[in-house]
Amino acid sequence: MSGCIFCRIVAGTAPAHRVYEDETLCAFLDIRPIARGHTLVIPKPHATNLDDLDHELGARIFTLGHRLAKALRRSDLGADGANLLLNDGKSAFQTVHHVHLHVVPRRRGDLLTVARGFVLRRGPEPEAAAAAIRTGLDRLDAEERESRA
């Protein structure tokens, strides 16, 4: 869909700080983050809401969200937890009508910071945050390789 910002990000015609991409999914920093490192996971094919989303692709979205939450803990962003959230439909506060999973890093005692993030929705140094998440993914990959060896 040419009018969909997420479809334009997938096509490479809109900017995004990507942290992961494969043949079916793309993950990038939210342009209006609640917390530093707030990442969105989207399916590459357009799906307006969960009714439009293939269940296997939905499972892949949550699998990647789980992986990113683990990577955030291994990144240098200081996360020791994460919220995974998917708003389905306008009544559930979905503002971009392309299915997306929010992966929001959390830190112990960050309630006021997150509350301020809901209001301000600005993130400093997105390039550095994206690089930190990619490093966390690399660290997670290394751990998994070591555990199989």
Protein backbone atom coordinates (compact mmCIF):
# COMPACT_ATOMS: atom_id res chain seq x y z
CA MET A 1 0.00 0.00 0.00
CA SER A 2 1.68 3.20 -1.16
CA GLY A 3 -0.05 5.34 1.48
CA CYS A 4 1.21 3.20 4.37
CA ILE A 5 4.34 4.56 6.06
CA PHE A 6 5.40 1.07 7.16
CA CYS A 7 5.06 -0.26 3.61
CA ARG A 8 7.25 2.64 2.46
CA ILE A 9 9.84 1.74 5.13
CA VAL A 10 9.84 -1.85 3.87
CA ALA A 11 10.27 -0.59 0.29
CA GLY A 12 13.13 1.67 1.35
CA THR A 13 11.37 4.88 0.30
CA ALA A 14 10.90 6.14 3.87
CA PRO A 15 13.69 6.40 6.44
CA ALA A 16 13.97 4.14 9.46
CA HIS A 17 16.65 3.02 11.93
CA ARG A 18 16.48 -0.71 11.19
CA VAL A 19 17.65 -3.20 13.76
CA TYR A 20 16.61 -6.43 12.00
CA GLU A 21 15.30 -7.56 8.64
CA ASP A 22 14.64 -10.87 6.91
CA GLU A 23 12.45 -12.01 4.01
CA THR A 24 9.15 -11.56 5.92
CA LEU A 25 9.80 -9.17 8.84
CA CYS A 26 11.35 -5.79 9.52
CA ALA A 27 12.20 -4.28 12.91
CA PHE A 28 13.09 -0.62 13.37
CA LEU A 29 13.08 2.06 16.04
CA ASP A 30 9.79 3.79 16.73
CA ILE A 31 9.99 7.40 15.51
CA ARG A 32 8.11 8.47 18.66
CA PRO A 33 9.64 6.20 21.31
CA ILE A 34 8.27 5.74 24.79
CA ALA A 35 11.74 4.66 25.94
CA ARG A 36 15.18 4.61 24.33
CA GLY A 37 15.35 1.51 22.12
CA HIS A 38 11.55 1.27 21.59
CA THR A 39 11.35 -0.99 18.54
CA LEU A 40 8.54 -1.95 16.16
CA VAL A 41 8.29 -5.35 14.49
CA ILE A 42 6.21 -5.46 11.32
CA PRO A 43 5.34 -8.00 8.66
CA LYS A 44 6.63 -6.95 5.25
CA PRO A 45 3.34 -7.78 3.50
CA HIS A 46 0.71 -5.21 4.43
CA ALA A 47 -1.83 -6.40 7.00
CA THR A 48 -4.11 -3.69 8.40
CA ASN A 49 -5.08 -5.62 11.53
CA LEU A 50 -4.97 -9.10 13.01
CA ASP A 51 -7.90 -10.23 10.84
CA ASP A 52 -5.68 -9.63 7.80
CA LEU A 53 -2.59 -11.33 9.24
CA ASP A 54 -1.65 -14.93 8.51
CA HIS A 55 -1.35 -16.75 11.85
CA GLU A 56 2.10 -18.16 11.02
CA LEU A 57 3.40 -14.69 10.21
CA GLY A 58 1.84 -13.45 13.46
CA ALA A 59 3.75 -16.13 15.34
CA ARG A 60 6.97 -15.01 13.63
CA ILE A 61 6.28 -11.40 14.71
CA PHE A 62 5.99 -12.45 18.34
CA THR A 63 9.01 -14.75 18.06
CA LEU A 64 11.10 -11.82 16.82
CA GLY A 65 9.62 -9.59 19.54
CA HIS A 66 10.70 -12.16 22.13
CA ARG A 67 14.19 -12.28 20.60
CA LEU A 68 14.47 -8.48 20.58
CA ALA A 69 13.37 -8.31 24.23
CA LYS A 70 16.17 -10.74 25.07
CA ALA A 71 18.62 -8.73 22.94
CA LEU A 72 17.66 -5.53 24.76
CA ARG A 73 18.77 -7.15 28.03
CA ARG A 74 22.13 -7.93 26.41
CA SER A 75 22.53 -4.49 24.85
CA ASP A 76 24.21 -1.49 26.42
CA LEU A 77 20.84 0.27 26.82
CA GLY A 78 20.46 -0.91 30.40
CA ALA A 79 17.17 -2.77 29.93
CA ASP A 80 16.25 -5.44 32.44
CA GLY A 81 12.75 -6.04 31.11
CA ALA A 82 10.43 -5.26 28.20
CA ASN A 83 6.81 -4.65 27.34
CA LEU A 84 5.49 -6.30 24.18
CA LEU A 85 2.32 -4.64 22.97
CA LEU A 86 0.17 -4.90 19.85
CA ASN A 87 -2.72 -2.47 19.37
CA ASP A 88 -5.30 -4.06 17.07
CA GLY A 89 -7.73 -1.58 15.53
CA LYS A 90 -8.61 2.04 16.08
CA SER A 91 -10.52 1.32 19.29
CA ALA A 92 -7.32 -0.26 20.68
CA PHE A 93 -5.33 2.91 19.84
CA GLN A 94 -3.72 1.56 16.67
CA THR A 95 -2.52 4.72 14.91
CA VAL A 96 -0.63 3.20 11.96
CA HIS A 97 -2.91 0.72 10.26
CA HIS A 98 -0.28 -1.88 9.46
CA VAL A 99 0.12 -4.60 12.10
CA HIS A 100 3.06 -3.84 14.38
CA LEU A 101 4.38 -5.13 17.67
CA HIS A 102 5.92 -2.63 20.09
CA VAL A 103 8.96 -3.88 22.00
CA VAL A 104 9.56 -1.31 24.75
CA PRO A 105 12.68 -1.72 26.88
CA ARG A 106 12.13 -1.27 30.59
CA ARG A 107 14.48 -0.53 33.44
CA ARG A 108 13.88 -1.12 37.12
CA GLY A 109 12.33 2.03 38.62
CA ASP A 110 11.60 3.68 35.25
CA LEU A 111 7.89 4.41 35.84
CA LEU A 112 8.31 8.21 35.71
CA THR A 113 10.61 7.98 32.70
CA VAL A 114 8.10 5.83 30.82
CA ALA A 115 5.22 8.13 31.83
CA ARG A 116 7.22 11.09 30.49
CA GLY A 117 7.96 9.03 27.35
CA PHE A 118 4.23 8.59 26.71
CA VAL A 119 3.86 12.36 26.70
CA LEU A 120 7.05 13.50 24.96
CA ARG A 121 7.66 10.53 22.61
CA ARG A 122 11.21 11.64 21.68
CA GLY A 123 14.33 9.55 21.68
CA PRO A 124 17.91 10.77 21.74
CA GLU A 125 20.59 9.30 19.47
CA PRO A 126 18.51 6.81 17.46
CA GLU A 127 21.57 5.61 15.49
CA ALA A 128 23.35 4.66 18.71
CA ALA A 129 20.22 2.99 20.11
CA ALA A 130 19.77 0.93 16.92
CA ALA A 131 23.45 -0.07 16.99
CA ALA A 132 23.13 -1.11 20.65
CA ILE A 133 20.16 -3.36 19.83
CA ARG A 134 22.02 -4.94 16.89
CA THR A 135 24.95 -5.58 19.27
CA GLY A 136 22.51 -7.19 21.72
CA LEU A 137 21.28 -9.47 18.92
CA ASP A 138 24.89 -10.40 18.10
CA ARG A 139 25.55 -11.19 21.77
CA LEU A 140 22.41 -13.32 21.92
CA ASP A 141 23.50 -15.20 18.77
CA ALA A 142 26.94 -15.84 20.33
CA GLU A 143 25.35 -17.14 23.55
CA GLU A 144 23.11 -19.48 21.58
CA ARG A 145 26.06 -20.79 19.52
CA GLU A 146 28.07 -21.42 22.72
CA SER A 147 25.17 -23.27 24.36
CA ARG A 148 24.90 -25.59 21.33
CA ALA A 149 28.64 -26.30 21.28
